[in-house]
Each structure stands twice: as structure tokens, then as C-alpha cells.
Amino acid sequence: MQAFGYGKHVLLEKPIAQSVADSDDIIRAWDEAGTVLCVGLELRYSAIFMRMREILDAGTIGDILTGIAVDNVSVGGNYFYHDRQRTKAYTVSLLMQKGVHTIDLLNWFMDAGRPTRVYATGSLLYYGGDAANDKRCRDCDRRDECPFFVQHDRFLMDYGVTVEKEDFCVFAEEADVNDNSQVIVTYESGKSAVYTECHFTPEYTRDFWFVGEDGKMSAQYNNECNFVIRNQYRHTDHIDEWHPRSSGGGHGGGDPLIQQAFLDWVRDPEKMDVAQSLAARDATCVGAAAEVSIETGMPVDIPPPPELHF
């Protein structure tokens, strides 16, 4: 908001914020500034998801009626439970920190209008426990046998970069962020979809299923870029299959392409994809509202975004 107040163009990491109210305050600041907002949902630019969009736009499975998206996160423990991200007081919910990428894709592919209501469940089943909050991997007598041991001064990320990382125990008492969640999203068209997230699976993938009037699409994304898209059709045994190839760069080619998109928008603001930035707001709001639903046990309505004037 301060950057917009100074008339700056903004490339903003996802999620936009940690609540619906804060997200809308940022949208209003953007509208008042009249500058460029690009949100870091680089998976929209990944080879597999751009190809999925093309295939769906061609009407191959007809009008999409419902969908499912799943985040299987094998690295959930090492990525999120060794540091303050394991607390709701800091992260609020992994539905936003991790899930917004996939929730945005689910909304995008459903093409059913903006999300209007969510109902969600979730829990902490695997991580957390009775370990002292200040217990560290480097001092642990189980470091040689624990699968969650990390070398704090040289932790290897899944995209090949070595970083320094906190190494507090993933089974600490203070860990209270849900490690699995299930979200039902209702759209303004009346259609619905499901998003689920699990941080203790053996694999690290994003999986999608979309059922249309004429068929069903399934797709899988993984960090190794072994992408697959498969269409089945009603009343026939015919199957189509595609294996898109990444053009290079992180997130299946999405990282360099979203950087280029931001630069292109800055050079010519008329090219800015306003709908994409508003969609980033919608995905954040789904995650934020879902966490409220988990805590209250009730469905939560998502208000429409603030009106834009440019």
C-alpha cells in the first residue's frame, strides 16, 4: 500500500495478504494509484498449465461442471514446520502460504465466475507434539535417524538452491498450523470445486481433475517437469494425452515468463492483465475464508472485490 501511495508499479508475492479485508485494502490502493499490479502466481505461465488452458478453451471436454485440485506436499515438514511458519500467529494458514498457487489455478480452469462461498475442514494430524519449542535439529540426539533433520546452514531447496534455514523441531508444542485441509468452493455460476492439501504425503505433485459435459481432463505437475495431461471422453474409449515441455526456468518455465510479463506491463500499462490480478485476490480470499470456516465450522461468504476505476 505504501508503494502504491508513492505511485510505484508492484510485483507482489502471493498471497496478496492474510485476510479478505487486507486484500481488499491493497486492491483499493492499487486502484487509487492507477499503476501496475502483478501478483507472483507464476504457475499460470508454466508450460503444463498454459497447455491445459488451451485444451480447455478448445472445448475438448465441453463446459466444465466440477473440478478437484490436490496439493501433495512431501516437503511440508521441512519447509514449513522448522520455523515460525508453523504458527497461526505468523502464517495464519498454509492454505494461503502454499495453497494459493493451486487454488488460483482451480478457479482459473473452472471459469465459473468469482468464488462466492467456501466451506472447509482441516486439522494438525502429523506435525506438532510435545517437543520443546526451542529444540533444534543441530542438538538433537535423533538427528541421524530423523527424516526431518535439516542442516541449518546448507538446506537444499527442491529447486536446487542451498539456503540457511531455521532447524527447530517439527514436533514442537507451538506448532498449530493445519497440515491437511479440505475446501469446497462455490462460484457465482452455482458450480463448485474441491481443493485439498496434505503436507505429509510421499510425493510432491499438483493433481487436477475436471469433469465437463463431454469428458474429463486429468493432469499432473511435478518439480521434475514430467508433465502429463490426459483427456477421456464420454461414450468412447478414445484417450488423448499430452506431455508439455518446460521452456526453462523455475516452476515449469513460469518464473522467467511472469517476470517478463511484469516488465511488459510496466513498459505498456495497457497490456496489464487486470483480471489476472483480481483473480489473485480471489484465490487469497478463498484461502483466508477457508481458514475462518475451519475455525468456526461454518461456511463463509466471500464479498465481491472493490470496484476498479481504470
Protein backbone atom coordinates (compact mmCIF):
# COMPACT_ATOMS: atom_id res chain seq x y z
CA MET A 1 0.00 0.00 0.00
CA GLN A 2 2.90 2.35 0.72
CA ALA A 3 4.42 1.53 -2.66
CA PHE A 4 1.16 2.34 -4.40
CA GLY A 5 0.99 5.54 -2.36
CA TYR A 6 4.26 6.58 -3.98
CA GLY A 7 2.91 5.75 -7.44
CA LYS A 8 5.08 2.67 -7.88
CA HIS A 9 4.47 -0.39 -10.02
CA VAL A 10 4.30 -3.50 -7.81
CA LEU A 11 5.31 -7.13 -8.32
CA LEU A 12 3.72 -8.73 -5.26
CA GLU A 13 4.43 -12.22 -3.95
CA LYS A 14 1.42 -14.43 -3.30
CA PRO A 15 -0.71 -14.45 -1.23
CA ILE A 16 -1.76 -10.81 -1.57
CA ALA A 17 -2.45 -10.68 2.18
CA GLN A 18 -3.63 -12.89 5.05
CA SER A 19 -7.27 -11.77 5.21
CA VAL A 20 -10.07 -10.72 2.90
CA ALA A 21 -10.13 -7.22 4.41
CA ASP A 22 -6.39 -6.65 3.92
CA SER A 23 -6.56 -7.99 0.37
CA ASP A 24 -9.28 -5.51 -0.50
CA ASP A 25 -7.36 -2.63 1.09
CA ILE A 26 -4.47 -3.44 -1.26
CA ILE A 27 -6.82 -3.61 -4.26
CA ARG A 28 -8.20 -0.17 -3.35
CA ALA A 29 -4.67 1.26 -3.04
CA TRP A 30 -3.81 -0.18 -6.45
CA ASP A 31 -6.96 1.32 -7.96
CA GLU A 32 -6.20 4.74 -6.49
CA ALA A 33 -2.60 4.64 -7.75
CA GLY A 34 -3.56 3.53 -11.26
CA THR A 35 -0.22 1.75 -11.62
CA VAL A 36 0.71 -1.85 -12.46
CA LEU A 37 -0.02 -4.74 -10.08
CA CYS A 38 1.37 -8.16 -10.97
CA VAL A 39 0.97 -10.94 -8.39
CA GLY A 40 3.51 -13.77 -8.32
CA LEU A 41 1.28 -16.61 -9.46
CA GLU A 42 3.89 -17.82 -11.91
CA LEU A 43 2.28 -21.24 -12.34
CA ARG A 44 -0.19 -19.63 -14.74
CA TYR A 45 2.80 -19.27 -17.05
CA SER A 46 4.05 -22.83 -16.59
CA ALA A 47 4.10 -24.97 -19.74
CA ILE A 48 1.60 -27.53 -18.45
CA PHE A 49 -0.96 -25.02 -17.24
CA MET A 50 -0.81 -22.84 -20.33
CA ARG A 51 -1.39 -26.01 -22.40
CA MET A 52 -4.28 -27.06 -20.17
CA ARG A 53 -5.87 -23.66 -20.68
CA GLU A 54 -5.53 -24.01 -24.47
CA ILE A 55 -7.05 -27.51 -24.45
CA LEU A 56 -9.97 -26.46 -22.28
CA ASP A 57 -10.56 -23.31 -24.34
CA ALA A 58 -10.81 -25.53 -27.43
CA GLY A 59 -13.87 -27.16 -25.83
CA THR A 60 -12.44 -30.67 -25.85
CA ILE A 61 -14.38 -31.80 -22.77
CA GLY A 62 -17.22 -29.32 -23.12
CA ASP A 63 -18.40 -26.91 -20.44
CA ILE A 64 -16.63 -27.72 -17.16
CA LEU A 65 -19.10 -28.64 -14.45
CA THR A 66 -16.90 -29.52 -11.49
CA GLY A 67 -13.25 -29.94 -10.58
CA ILE A 68 -10.77 -31.16 -7.98
CA ALA A 69 -7.25 -29.90 -7.24
CA VAL A 70 -4.84 -31.58 -4.83
CA ASP A 71 -1.56 -30.33 -3.38
CA ASN A 72 0.56 -33.32 -2.35
CA VAL A 73 3.41 -31.78 -0.36
CA SER A 74 6.15 -34.23 0.60
CA VAL A 75 8.36 -31.36 1.79
CA GLY A 76 5.73 -29.82 4.06
CA GLY A 77 7.55 -30.69 7.26
CA ASN A 78 10.97 -29.40 6.24
CA TYR A 79 9.60 -26.31 4.50
CA PHE A 80 7.02 -25.09 6.99
CA TYR A 81 7.42 -26.69 10.42
CA HIS A 82 11.04 -25.86 11.31
CA ASP A 83 10.40 -22.14 11.82
CA ARG A 84 7.73 -19.59 12.72
CA GLN A 85 5.66 -20.61 9.69
CA ARG A 86 4.39 -23.45 11.88
CA THR A 87 2.33 -20.98 13.96
CA LYS A 88 -1.01 -19.48 13.00
CA ALA A 89 0.06 -16.28 14.72
CA TYR A 90 2.58 -15.77 11.91
CA THR A 91 1.36 -17.71 8.87
CA VAL A 92 -2.41 -17.89 9.59
CA SER A 93 -2.81 -20.85 7.24
CA LEU A 94 -0.87 -22.95 4.75
CA LEU A 95 -3.95 -22.69 2.56
CA MET A 96 -2.56 -19.28 1.66
CA GLN A 97 1.20 -19.70 2.11
CA LYS A 98 1.24 -22.86 0.00
CA GLY A 99 -2.24 -23.34 -1.40
CA VAL A 100 -2.95 -20.05 -3.18
CA HIS A 101 -0.96 -21.17 -6.27
CA THR A 102 -3.19 -24.19 -6.83
CA ILE A 103 -6.41 -22.52 -5.68
CA ASP A 104 -5.82 -19.84 -8.31
CA LEU A 105 -5.35 -22.49 -11.00
CA LEU A 106 -8.52 -24.28 -9.86
CA ASN A 107 -10.51 -21.03 -10.12
CA TRP A 108 -8.94 -20.23 -13.50
CA PHE A 109 -9.72 -23.58 -15.06
CA MET A 110 -13.24 -23.79 -13.63
CA ASP A 111 -14.02 -20.46 -15.37
CA ALA A 112 -17.21 -20.30 -13.32
CA GLY A 113 -17.11 -16.70 -12.16
CA ARG A 114 -15.64 -15.44 -8.94
CA PRO A 115 -15.70 -17.66 -5.80
CA THR A 116 -18.55 -16.64 -3.51
CA ARG A 117 -18.56 -19.16 -0.65
CA VAL A 118 -16.26 -21.72 0.94
CA TYR A 119 -16.74 -24.47 3.47
CA ALA A 120 -13.63 -26.14 4.82
CA THR A 121 -12.27 -28.63 7.30
CA GLY A 122 -8.71 -29.13 8.42
CA SER A 123 -6.53 -30.42 11.21
CA LEU A 124 -3.00 -30.95 12.51
CA LEU A 125 -2.51 -34.70 12.38
CA TYR A 126 1.18 -35.34 11.79
CA TYR A 127 3.35 -32.42 12.91
CA GLY A 128 3.41 -30.71 16.28
CA GLY A 129 3.53 -32.62 19.54
CA ASP A 130 5.30 -32.35 22.87
CA ALA A 131 8.84 -31.34 21.87
CA ALA A 132 10.21 -28.17 23.44
CA ASN A 133 9.77 -25.10 21.26
CA ASP A 134 13.48 -24.32 21.37
CA LYS A 135 14.62 -27.84 20.45
CA ARG A 136 16.82 -27.78 17.34
CA CYS A 137 17.96 -30.40 14.84
CA ARG A 138 21.60 -29.48 15.39
CA ASP A 139 21.39 -30.51 19.07
CA CYS A 140 19.04 -33.49 18.74
CA ASP A 141 20.18 -36.97 19.75
CA ARG A 142 17.97 -38.42 16.96
CA ARG A 143 19.46 -36.30 14.18
CA ASP A 144 20.97 -39.32 12.42
CA GLU A 145 17.66 -41.15 12.18
CA CYS A 146 15.02 -38.42 11.93
CA PRO A 147 13.69 -37.90 8.37
CA PHE A 148 13.08 -34.22 9.20
CA PHE A 149 16.65 -33.41 10.17
CA VAL A 150 17.92 -30.34 8.32
CA GLN A 151 21.41 -28.93 8.13
CA HIS A 152 20.55 -25.38 9.07
CA ASP A 153 23.46 -23.69 7.32
CA ARG A 154 23.07 -25.54 4.00
CA PHE A 155 19.49 -26.62 3.37
CA LEU A 156 18.84 -27.72 -0.21
CA MET A 157 15.54 -26.43 -1.62
CA ASP A 158 13.62 -28.54 -4.12
CA TYR A 159 14.59 -26.15 -6.94
CA GLY A 160 18.32 -26.74 -6.36
CA VAL A 161 19.28 -23.66 -4.32
CA THR A 162 21.09 -24.03 -0.97
CA VAL A 163 19.94 -21.64 1.77
CA GLU A 164 20.26 -21.11 5.51
CA LYS A 165 17.19 -22.31 7.42
CA GLU A 166 15.92 -22.49 10.96
CA ASP A 167 16.07 -26.04 12.35
CA PHE A 168 13.57 -26.09 15.23
CA CYS A 169 11.86 -29.46 15.76
CA VAL A 170 8.82 -30.08 13.57
CA PHE A 171 7.13 -31.83 16.52
CA ALA A 172 7.22 -28.78 18.81
CA GLU A 173 4.36 -27.85 21.10
CA GLU A 174 3.78 -24.45 19.50
CA ALA A 175 3.12 -25.87 16.02
CA ASP A 176 -0.57 -25.25 15.37
CA VAL A 177 -0.88 -24.67 11.60
CA ASN A 178 -3.04 -27.36 9.98
CA ASP A 179 -1.07 -29.90 7.97
CA ASN A 180 -4.11 -31.06 5.98
CA SER A 181 -7.19 -29.21 4.74
CA GLN A 182 -10.20 -29.83 2.52
CA VAL A 183 -12.04 -26.91 0.90
CA ILE A 184 -15.31 -26.78 -1.08
CA VAL A 185 -15.54 -23.67 -3.26
CA THR A 186 -18.83 -22.38 -4.67
CA TYR A 187 -18.79 -19.96 -7.60
CA GLU A 188 -21.21 -17.25 -8.68
CA SER A 189 -22.36 -19.51 -11.54
CA GLY A 190 -23.52 -22.08 -8.98
CA LYS A 191 -20.80 -24.57 -9.89
CA SER A 192 -18.48 -25.93 -7.21
CA ALA A 193 -14.99 -27.41 -6.92
CA VAL A 194 -12.79 -29.01 -4.27
CA TYR A 195 -9.27 -28.19 -3.16
CA THR A 196 -7.30 -30.39 -0.76
CA GLU A 197 -3.83 -30.01 0.71
CA CYS A 198 -1.68 -32.50 2.60
CA HIS A 199 1.83 -31.86 3.96
CA PHE A 200 2.87 -35.40 4.84
CA THR A 201 2.48 -37.28 1.54
CA PRO A 202 5.34 -39.28 0.00
CA GLU A 203 5.12 -37.40 -3.34
CA TYR A 204 5.39 -33.72 -4.28
CA THR A 205 2.85 -33.04 -7.03
CA ARG A 206 -0.15 -30.98 -8.02
CA ASP A 207 -3.01 -33.09 -9.40
CA PHE A 208 -6.13 -31.89 -11.20
CA TRP A 209 -9.38 -33.44 -12.42
CA PHE A 210 -12.01 -31.52 -14.37
CA VAL A 211 -15.29 -33.05 -15.50
CA GLY A 212 -17.10 -31.43 -18.41
CA GLU A 213 -20.24 -32.20 -20.33
CA ASP A 214 -18.31 -34.27 -22.87
CA GLY A 215 -15.36 -35.69 -20.97
CA LYS A 216 -12.81 -35.46 -18.20
CA MET A 217 -9.34 -33.96 -18.01
CA SER A 218 -6.70 -35.15 -15.56
CA ALA A 219 -3.28 -33.57 -15.18
CA GLN A 220 -0.21 -33.78 -13.01
CA TYR A 221 2.56 -31.27 -12.34
CA ASN A 222 5.82 -32.11 -10.57
CA ASN A 223 9.06 -30.24 -9.99
CA GLU A 224 10.94 -32.56 -12.35
CA CYS A 225 8.70 -31.23 -15.15
CA ASN A 226 7.43 -34.69 -16.06
CA PHE A 227 4.12 -33.13 -17.06
CA VAL A 228 1.12 -35.11 -18.26
CA ILE A 229 -2.37 -34.10 -19.39
CA ARG A 230 -4.94 -36.75 -20.26
CA ASN A 231 -8.44 -36.41 -21.70
CA GLN A 232 -11.10 -39.11 -21.55
CA TYR A 233 -14.39 -38.71 -23.38
CA ARG A 234 -17.91 -39.86 -22.67
CA HIS A 235 -19.34 -42.76 -24.70
CA THR A 236 -15.97 -43.68 -26.21
CA ASP A 237 -12.72 -45.39 -25.24
CA HIS A 238 -10.63 -42.75 -27.01
CA ILE A 239 -7.99 -41.01 -24.88
CA ASP A 240 -5.81 -38.01 -25.76
CA GLU A 241 -2.55 -37.38 -23.93
CA TRP A 242 -0.07 -34.51 -23.92
CA HIS A 243 3.37 -34.07 -22.34
CA PRO A 244 4.20 -30.35 -22.40
CA ARG A 245 7.86 -29.42 -22.06
CA SER A 246 9.14 -26.58 -19.93
CA SER A 247 10.87 -23.75 -21.78
CA GLY A 248 13.34 -23.47 -18.88
CA GLY A 249 13.41 -21.72 -15.54
CA GLY A 250 11.70 -22.45 -12.23
CA HIS A 251 8.08 -23.59 -11.87
CA GLY A 252 7.99 -25.28 -15.26
CA GLY A 253 9.12 -22.17 -17.09
CA GLY A 254 6.75 -19.89 -15.21
CA ASP A 255 9.34 -17.84 -13.29
CA PRO A 256 11.03 -16.07 -16.22
CA LEU A 257 7.74 -15.65 -18.09
CA ILE A 258 5.94 -13.85 -15.25
CA GLN A 259 8.97 -11.60 -14.78
CA GLN A 260 8.78 -10.74 -18.46
CA ALA A 261 5.03 -10.13 -18.21
CA PHE A 262 5.59 -7.65 -15.38
CA LEU A 263 8.25 -5.80 -17.38
CA ASP A 264 5.97 -5.73 -20.42
CA TRP A 265 3.13 -4.29 -18.33
CA VAL A 266 5.40 -1.62 -16.86
CA ARG A 267 6.57 -0.61 -20.34
CA ASP A 268 2.96 -0.51 -21.58
CA PRO A 269 0.35 -0.49 -18.76
CA GLU A 270 -2.37 -1.03 -21.36
CA LYS A 271 -1.13 -4.63 -21.58
CA MET A 272 -1.72 -5.25 -17.86
CA ASP A 273 -3.99 -8.24 -17.20
CA VAL A 274 -6.33 -6.66 -14.65
CA ALA A 275 -8.45 -9.81 -14.47
CA GLN A 276 -5.40 -11.88 -13.51
CA SER A 277 -4.54 -9.55 -10.62
CA LEU A 278 -8.13 -9.64 -9.38
CA ALA A 279 -8.06 -13.44 -9.68
CA ALA A 280 -5.04 -13.42 -7.37
CA ARG A 281 -7.18 -11.54 -4.87
CA ASP A 282 -9.93 -14.18 -5.22
CA ALA A 283 -7.51 -17.06 -4.58
CA THR A 284 -6.16 -15.36 -1.47
CA CYS A 285 -9.69 -14.77 -0.23
CA VAL A 286 -10.57 -18.44 -0.71
CA GLY A 287 -7.63 -19.45 1.47
CA ALA A 288 -8.36 -16.82 4.12
CA ALA A 289 -12.09 -17.57 4.24
CA ALA A 290 -11.41 -21.31 4.35
CA GLU A 291 -9.31 -20.90 7.49
CA VAL A 292 -12.17 -18.96 9.11
CA SER A 293 -14.53 -21.77 8.08
CA ILE A 294 -12.24 -24.39 9.65
CA GLU A 295 -12.13 -22.45 12.91
CA THR A 296 -15.89 -21.75 13.08
CA GLY A 297 -17.27 -24.88 11.45
CA MET A 298 -19.46 -22.70 9.25
CA PRO A 299 -19.49 -21.77 5.55
CA VAL A 300 -18.01 -18.34 4.84
CA ASP A 301 -19.13 -15.94 2.11
CA ILE A 302 -16.56 -14.06 0.04
CA PRO A 303 -17.60 -10.50 -0.85
CA PRO A 304 -17.05 -9.15 -4.37
CA PRO A 305 -13.81 -7.21 -4.94
CA PRO A 306 -13.73 -3.44 -4.67
CA GLU A 307 -14.82 -1.66 -7.84
CA LEU A 308 -11.94 -0.59 -10.07
CA HIS A 309 -11.91 2.76 -11.87
CA PHE A 310 -9.27 2.18 -14.54
